[in-house]
Every structure is written in C-alpha cells, then in structure tokens.
Protein backbone atom coordinates (compact mmCIF):
# COMPACT_ATOMS: atom_id res chain seq x y z
CA VAL A 1 -1.67 -27.81 39.08
CA PRO A 2 -1.98 -29.44 35.63
CA PRO A 3 -1.63 -27.31 32.51
CA GLY A 4 -4.79 -25.46 31.48
CA GLU A 5 -6.34 -25.29 34.97
CA ALA A 6 -4.49 -22.30 36.36
CA SER A 7 -5.99 -18.82 36.27
CA GLY A 8 -4.57 -15.31 36.07
CA GLU A 9 -2.55 -13.43 33.51
CA GLU A 10 0.35 -15.86 33.14
CA ASP A 11 0.14 -18.71 30.70
CA PRO A 12 -0.98 -21.73 32.82
CA THR A 13 1.25 -24.06 30.82
CA SER A 14 4.26 -21.89 31.66
CA GLN A 15 3.30 -21.82 35.35
CA TYR A 16 3.28 -25.60 35.48
CA LYS A 17 6.35 -26.04 33.27
CA TYR A 18 8.53 -23.65 35.30
CA ALA A 19 7.00 -24.26 38.73
CA ASP A 20 10.28 -25.44 40.29
CA VAL A 21 12.61 -23.12 38.36
CA ILE A 22 14.13 -19.99 39.89
CA PRO A 23 13.65 -17.04 37.49
CA ASP A 24 16.95 -15.80 36.09
CA VAL A 25 15.86 -12.20 35.61
CA LYS A 26 19.41 -10.86 35.61
CA HIS A 27 20.40 -13.14 32.73
CA VAL A 28 17.41 -12.03 30.66
CA GLU A 29 18.17 -8.38 31.37
CA GLN A 30 21.82 -8.90 30.43
CA ILE A 31 20.84 -10.46 27.07
CA GLU A 32 18.57 -7.52 26.32
CA LYS A 33 21.33 -5.11 27.27
CA ASP A 34 23.88 -6.92 25.09
CA LEU A 35 21.51 -6.86 22.12
CA SER A 36 20.86 -3.17 22.62
CA LEU A 37 24.59 -2.39 22.78
CA ALA A 38 25.28 -4.47 19.68
CA PHE A 39 22.65 -2.57 17.72
CA GLU A 40 24.25 0.68 18.86
CA ASP A 41 27.63 -0.57 17.63
CA LEU A 42 26.22 -0.90 14.12
CA ASP A 43 26.15 2.88 13.96
CA VAL A 44 29.72 3.62 15.10
CA ALA A 45 32.42 4.90 12.76
CA ASP A 46 34.81 1.95 13.15
CA THR A 47 34.18 -0.61 10.41
CA ARG A 48 35.60 -3.55 12.37
CA THR A 49 33.32 -2.84 15.33
CA LYS A 50 30.34 -2.68 12.98
CA GLY A 51 31.32 -5.97 11.38
CA ARG A 52 31.72 -7.74 14.73
CA ALA A 53 28.38 -6.41 15.97
CA MET A 54 26.62 -7.55 12.79
CA ALA A 55 28.16 -11.03 13.00
CA TRP A 56 27.29 -11.38 16.70
CA LEU A 57 23.69 -10.29 16.15
CA ALA A 58 23.26 -12.81 13.34
CA GLU A 59 24.04 -15.64 15.81
CA GLN A 60 21.37 -14.66 18.36
CA GLU A 61 18.03 -16.37 18.91
CA PRO A 62 15.55 -15.11 16.28
CA GLU A 63 12.80 -14.17 18.75
CA LYS A 64 15.09 -12.17 21.05
CA LEU A 65 16.84 -10.53 18.09
CA ALA A 66 13.52 -9.61 16.49
CA ALA A 67 12.14 -8.01 19.66
CA ALA A 68 15.33 -6.01 20.19
CA ALA A 69 15.44 -4.93 16.54
CA LEU A 70 11.85 -3.70 16.65
CA ARG A 71 12.57 -1.64 19.77
CA ARG A 72 15.64 -0.19 18.07
CA ILE A 73 13.90 0.58 14.76
CA THR A 74 10.94 2.32 16.40
CA SER A 75 13.11 4.38 18.77
CA ASP A 76 14.47 7.90 18.22
CA ILE A 77 17.53 7.15 16.12
CA SER A 78 18.80 8.33 12.76
CA PRO A 79 17.33 6.87 9.53
CA LYS A 80 20.74 5.32 8.82
CA ALA A 81 20.85 3.56 12.21
CA ARG A 82 17.29 2.36 11.67
CA ARG A 83 18.16 0.74 8.35
CA LEU A 84 21.31 -0.81 9.80
CA ALA A 85 19.13 -2.48 12.45
CA ALA A 86 16.83 -3.80 9.74
CA GLY A 87 19.90 -5.01 7.85
CA ALA A 88 20.97 -7.03 10.88
CA ILE A 89 17.63 -8.85 10.80
CA GLN A 90 18.09 -9.53 7.11
CA LYS A 91 21.59 -10.91 7.62
CA ALA A 92 20.42 -13.15 10.47
CA GLY A 93 18.29 -15.10 8.02
CA ARG A 94 14.77 -16.25 7.32
CA ASN A 95 13.83 -17.31 10.86
CA SER A 96 14.81 -13.92 12.26
CA VAL A 97 12.90 -12.07 9.54
CA GLU A 98 9.85 -14.24 10.26
CA ALA A 99 10.13 -13.53 13.97
CA PHE A 100 10.50 -9.82 13.24
CA PHE A 101 7.20 -9.72 11.33
CA GLU A 102 5.52 -11.70 14.10
CA GLU A 103 6.54 -8.92 16.49
CA ILE A 104 4.93 -6.15 14.44
CA ASN A 105 1.67 -4.72 15.71
CA PRO A 106 0.00 -2.30 13.22
CA ASP A 107 -1.70 -0.60 16.19
CA ILE A 108 1.52 0.79 17.67
CA PRO A 109 1.70 4.61 18.02
CA VAL A 110 1.81 6.57 14.76
CA THR A 111 5.35 7.87 15.25
CA GLN A 112 6.67 4.33 15.72
CA LEU A 113 4.67 2.97 12.80
CA LEU A 114 6.11 5.63 10.48
CA LYS A 115 9.64 4.62 11.50
CA LEU A 116 8.80 1.00 10.78
CA ILE A 117 7.36 1.80 7.34
CA ASN A 118 10.67 3.50 6.49
CA VAL A 119 12.50 0.16 6.62
CA VAL A 120 9.82 -2.23 5.34
CA ASP A 121 11.08 -1.84 1.76
CA MET A 122 14.18 -3.79 2.85
CA PHE A 123 11.98 -6.90 3.21
CA VAL A 124 10.01 -6.70 -0.05
CA ASP A 125 10.50 -10.41 -0.78
CA HIS A 126 8.81 -11.48 2.45
CA PRO A 127 5.16 -12.66 2.01
CA LYS A 128 3.95 -10.64 5.00
CA VAL A 129 5.07 -7.26 3.66
CA ILE A 130 2.12 -6.72 1.31
CA PRO A 131 -0.56 -7.76 3.86
CA LEU A 132 1.06 -5.47 6.44
CA LEU A 133 1.12 -2.48 4.08
CA ARG A 134 -2.42 -3.28 2.95
CA ASP A 135 -3.64 -3.20 6.56
CA ILE A 136 -1.88 0.11 7.16
CA THR A 137 -3.26 1.75 4.02
CA LEU A 138 -6.80 0.49 4.59
CA SER A 139 -7.19 0.98 8.34
CA GLY A 140 -4.06 2.67 9.69
CA PRO A 141 -3.79 6.25 10.95
CA SER A 142 -4.16 8.89 8.21
CA GLU A 143 -0.52 9.97 8.65
CA THR A 144 0.72 6.52 7.67
CA VAL A 145 -1.41 5.94 4.55
CA GLN A 146 0.75 7.82 2.01
CA PRO A 147 4.12 6.49 3.32
CA ALA A 148 2.77 2.93 3.22
CA LEU A 149 1.37 3.54 -0.26
CA ASP A 150 4.75 4.85 -1.41
CA VAL A 151 6.31 1.49 -0.49
CA LEU A 152 3.39 -0.57 -1.80
CA GLU A 153 3.48 1.00 -5.27
CA GLN A 154 7.10 -0.13 -5.73
CA LEU A 155 6.05 -3.79 -5.50
CA PRO A 156 4.86 -5.83 -8.49
CA GLY A 157 2.06 -8.38 -8.62
CA LYS A 158 -1.70 -8.97 -8.51
CA GLU A 159 -1.79 -8.90 -4.72
CA VAL A 160 -0.60 -5.29 -4.75
CA ASP A 161 -3.05 -4.40 -7.54
CA SER A 162 -5.88 -5.77 -5.43
CA ALA A 163 -4.74 -3.76 -2.40
CA LEU A 164 -4.55 -0.57 -4.49
CA LEU A 165 -8.07 -1.15 -5.82
CA ASP A 166 -9.44 -1.73 -2.31
CA LEU A 167 -7.79 1.47 -1.15
CA PHE A 168 -9.21 3.38 -4.13
CA ASP A 169 -12.73 2.58 -2.90
CA LEU A 170 -11.98 4.06 0.54
CA ALA A 171 -9.58 6.88 -0.28
CA ALA A 172 -10.36 10.56 -0.73
CA GLY A 173 -8.64 13.75 -1.82
CA SER A 174 -5.06 13.67 -3.05
CA THR A 175 -4.64 9.99 -2.13
CA LYS A 176 -7.51 9.00 -4.44
CA LEU A 177 -6.02 11.06 -7.27
CA HIS A 178 -2.64 9.42 -6.75
CA LEU A 179 -4.33 6.03 -6.88
CA LEU A 180 -5.90 6.95 -10.24
CA TYR A 181 -2.37 7.54 -11.50
CA LEU A 182 -1.29 4.13 -10.17
CA LEU A 183 -4.28 2.33 -11.72
CA ALA A 184 -3.22 3.75 -15.09
CA LYS A 185 0.50 3.18 -14.60
CA ARG A 186 -0.02 -0.47 -13.64
CA LYS A 187 -2.84 -0.94 -16.20
CA ILE A 188 -5.05 -2.65 -13.60
CA LEU A 189 -7.89 -4.16 -15.65
CA ASP A 190 -9.92 -4.97 -12.54
CA ALA A 191 -10.27 -1.20 -12.04
CA VAL A 192 -12.26 -0.80 -15.26
CA PRO A 193 -15.75 -1.58 -13.83
CA VAL A 194 -15.10 0.76 -10.88
CA LEU A 195 -14.03 3.62 -13.16
CA LEU A 196 -16.92 3.08 -15.58
CA ASP A 197 -19.27 3.42 -12.64
CA VAL A 198 -17.66 6.78 -11.81
CA ILE A 199 -18.35 8.20 -15.30
CA LYS A 200 -21.71 6.58 -16.10
CA PRO A 201 -24.26 8.95 -17.67
CA LYS A 202 -26.84 10.57 -15.40
CA TRP A 203 -30.60 10.72 -15.85
CA ILE A 204 -31.84 14.21 -16.75
CA TRP A 205 -33.19 14.70 -13.23
CA GLU A 206 -29.89 13.76 -11.56
CA ARG A 207 -27.18 16.19 -10.54
CA GLU A 208 -23.74 15.90 -12.14
CA THR A 209 -20.93 15.85 -9.55
CA ARG A 210 -17.14 15.47 -9.37
CA ILE A 211 -16.58 16.79 -12.89
CA SER A 212 -12.79 17.04 -12.54
CA PHE A 213 -12.55 13.57 -11.02
CA GLN A 214 -14.73 12.08 -13.77
CA SER A 215 -12.45 13.65 -16.37
CA LYS A 216 -9.41 12.08 -14.74
CA ALA A 217 -11.24 8.71 -14.55
CA CYS A 218 -11.86 8.89 -18.32
CA ARG A 219 -8.19 9.53 -18.99
CA THR A 220 -7.25 6.66 -16.70
CA LEU A 221 -9.51 4.32 -18.70
CA GLY A 222 -7.78 5.45 -21.87
CA LEU A 223 -4.36 4.71 -20.40
CA ILE A 224 -5.46 1.28 -19.14
CA GLY A 225 -6.50 0.68 -22.74
CA SER A 226 -9.19 -2.00 -22.40
CA PRO A 227 -11.26 -2.32 -25.63
CA GLN A 228 -14.27 -3.24 -23.44
CA THR A 229 -14.52 0.39 -22.32
CA ALA A 230 -15.19 1.74 -25.83
CA GLU A 231 -19.00 1.83 -25.79
CA LYS A 232 -19.19 3.42 -22.34
CA LEU A 233 -16.67 6.07 -23.32
CA ILE A 234 -18.60 6.74 -26.52
CA ALA A 235 -21.77 7.22 -24.45
CA VAL A 236 -19.91 9.79 -22.33
CA ALA A 237 -18.20 11.60 -25.24
CA THR A 238 -21.29 11.97 -27.44
CA LYS A 239 -24.61 13.71 -26.83
CA PRO A 240 -27.41 11.28 -25.97
CA LYS A 241 -30.63 11.08 -27.96
CA LEU A 242 -33.47 13.18 -26.58
CA TRP A 243 -35.63 10.15 -25.88
CA ALA A 244 -32.90 8.51 -23.79
CA PHE A 245 -33.62 10.94 -20.90
CA LEU A 246 -29.90 11.15 -20.18
CA LYS A 247 -27.88 14.29 -19.49
CA THR A 248 -25.13 15.42 -21.82
CA LYS A 249 -21.90 15.23 -19.89
CA PRO A 250 -20.11 18.52 -19.11
CA GLU A 251 -17.50 19.55 -21.69
CA PRO A 252 -14.40 18.61 -19.63
CA ILE A 253 -15.71 15.06 -19.19
CA ARG A 254 -16.69 14.71 -22.86
CA ALA A 255 -13.28 16.00 -23.91
CA ALA A 256 -11.51 13.53 -21.61
CA ALA A 257 -13.64 10.64 -22.89
CA THR A 258 -12.78 11.62 -26.48
CA TRP A 259 -9.08 11.69 -25.56
CA ALA A 260 -9.46 8.22 -23.99
CA LEU A 261 -11.14 6.85 -27.13
CA ARG A 262 -8.10 7.90 -29.15
CA LYS A 263 -5.93 5.83 -26.81
CA LEU A 264 -7.90 2.60 -27.34
CA PRO A 265 -7.07 0.08 -30.07
CA GLY A 266 -8.70 1.50 -33.18
CA ASN A 267 -11.70 -0.11 -34.90
CA GLU A 268 -14.38 1.03 -37.32
CA ARG A 269 -16.85 1.97 -34.57
CA ILE A 270 -14.35 4.12 -32.63
CA ASN A 271 -12.98 5.74 -35.79
CA THR A 272 -16.50 6.67 -36.98
CA VAL A 273 -17.35 8.27 -33.63
CA LEU A 274 -14.07 10.19 -33.53
CA GLU A 275 -14.76 11.58 -37.02
CA VAL A 276 -18.17 12.81 -35.88
CA LEU A 277 -16.66 14.39 -32.76
CA LYS A 278 -14.25 16.40 -34.92
CA ASN A 279 -17.28 18.51 -35.87
CA ASP A 280 -18.64 18.88 -32.34
CA LYS A 281 -19.71 22.36 -31.22
CA SER A 282 -17.32 22.17 -28.29
CA LEU A 283 -13.74 23.24 -29.03
CA ARG A 284 -12.50 21.07 -26.15
CA VAL A 285 -14.11 17.97 -27.65
CA ARG A 286 -12.90 18.76 -31.19
CA LYS A 287 -9.33 19.00 -29.94
C-alpha cells in the first residue's frame, strides 16, 4: 500500500516504511528502562555515579531523552530530583532542549503542570519559554496562573510585558493587584491607556465602582511616570465644573491621583494644579 492511502490510527507512511520489519519492542522497552534508571542515578548520594549518569544521558537521542525527562519531571519525586532531571536536558544541548519543549502539552493534569513550571526557570534563554508561560497564565488552570506568573515576572523584555498586559485584562482579585505592581515595577508604557480607562471620570448619572482599585491604578500611573497621563490625572484629582456633568471622584481616588501627579516630571501646569490642591477641603487630597 503506498504512503498516504492506508487508514486507521497508525501513520500510513510508517506502515509502508516498516511493513517488512519485525518490531523490536524489547529493545525499545530496554532503552526506556535504561533512561529511567539513569535519571534515578542523578539523585543518589555518590558523586561519581551522578557524574556517569549525567554524561550517559547527554549522549542519548534528543527525542527519547526529552520524553523520559518529561516523565521524570512530572512524576512524584523531590524538587531536587526534578531539577536534576531538567539539568540533564540542559547539559545534553540545544537539540535535547528543543525536543523537550516539543514534548510539553499545556493541557496535562494540573499536578503535573505545576511540577513542570517549577523547572521552567532553568530554560529562560529558550524562545519557547515565554509563549509557554503566556499560554498557562492566560488559559491554564487557576492553580497554575500564579506559579507561572512568578516565573514570567523574572524575565526581561517586551514579549513578557505584552503577556503581562494581556493577563491584566483577564485577571481578577489578588492576581490583578499583583499585576498592577508589575506594570509599575517594569514601567510598562503600553499599560497607560488601559489604566487611564480604569480611572476615567464618570457622568453624574453613572455609578462609581472599584474605588480601591482605581486608587491603586492612579498610583501605578504615577510610578510608570508618563507625562502623557498628566491631564487625565488632573481631571481625576480636581473637582469638575458644574456644567461638565461629571462626578467628583471619591476622596481616596482624588488623593491617589494627586500623589501620582507629584511623581510625574514637573511642569508649570502640574505645579499650578498641585498648589491649588494644597487648599482642597479634603485632608487626604491636601496631604
């Protein structure tokens, strides 16, 4: 049967290619067993045994090594043994690391995914680490979001900033508050429009919500320090004109916006507003 015309679960090309070959199941099983034993030897007390096991693993075929390493890492072993297994992949070189990431399925059970996240930081230079962590934080099980975020925030670069901003849109609760902290810490300018939308003034007939979160968003804008936020922060910190039909922001938000204005690069407009706010009726704002 020519390749591509066979049916069933097996790859038709493989059926044709190996049609006259006797399967060597025992050999395959022996290789898997040897790999498993070698990974176990990484965790023994004897240094020479560890060294031999590490050297032997580094010489194995990348695909077989990667599959065995993933099974080992996601099994019930100590954190130390897990990181030793990841170290063996590192030592084996680029092809083995590539094969390892090809083996990873973000839809594996939560307990296994958490074990995997615990060693991903050992491969921070690999281009697939950030996309993997991004997928986990955006669509993974809730239990894995914070651990993946903990690794992601250690990594530099615009790609990580973009992932953090995407997650901010979807996150809630303590995760969203932690992301506010990261937006400020990393001074992510692309977050400015999103945060300005959070604090925008309400029409007099609208209900004011998320007062504490708005206050924190104001402070985040101050720490990011973009001069382009000045006018919007001024609109939040000051009382609107009666004919504007806009609500005065609650005191905690006005106070936070005033604090943020003090963090921005000074200019005549900001300094004038801050002088006026020193005489505001609200003690919080005056402070």
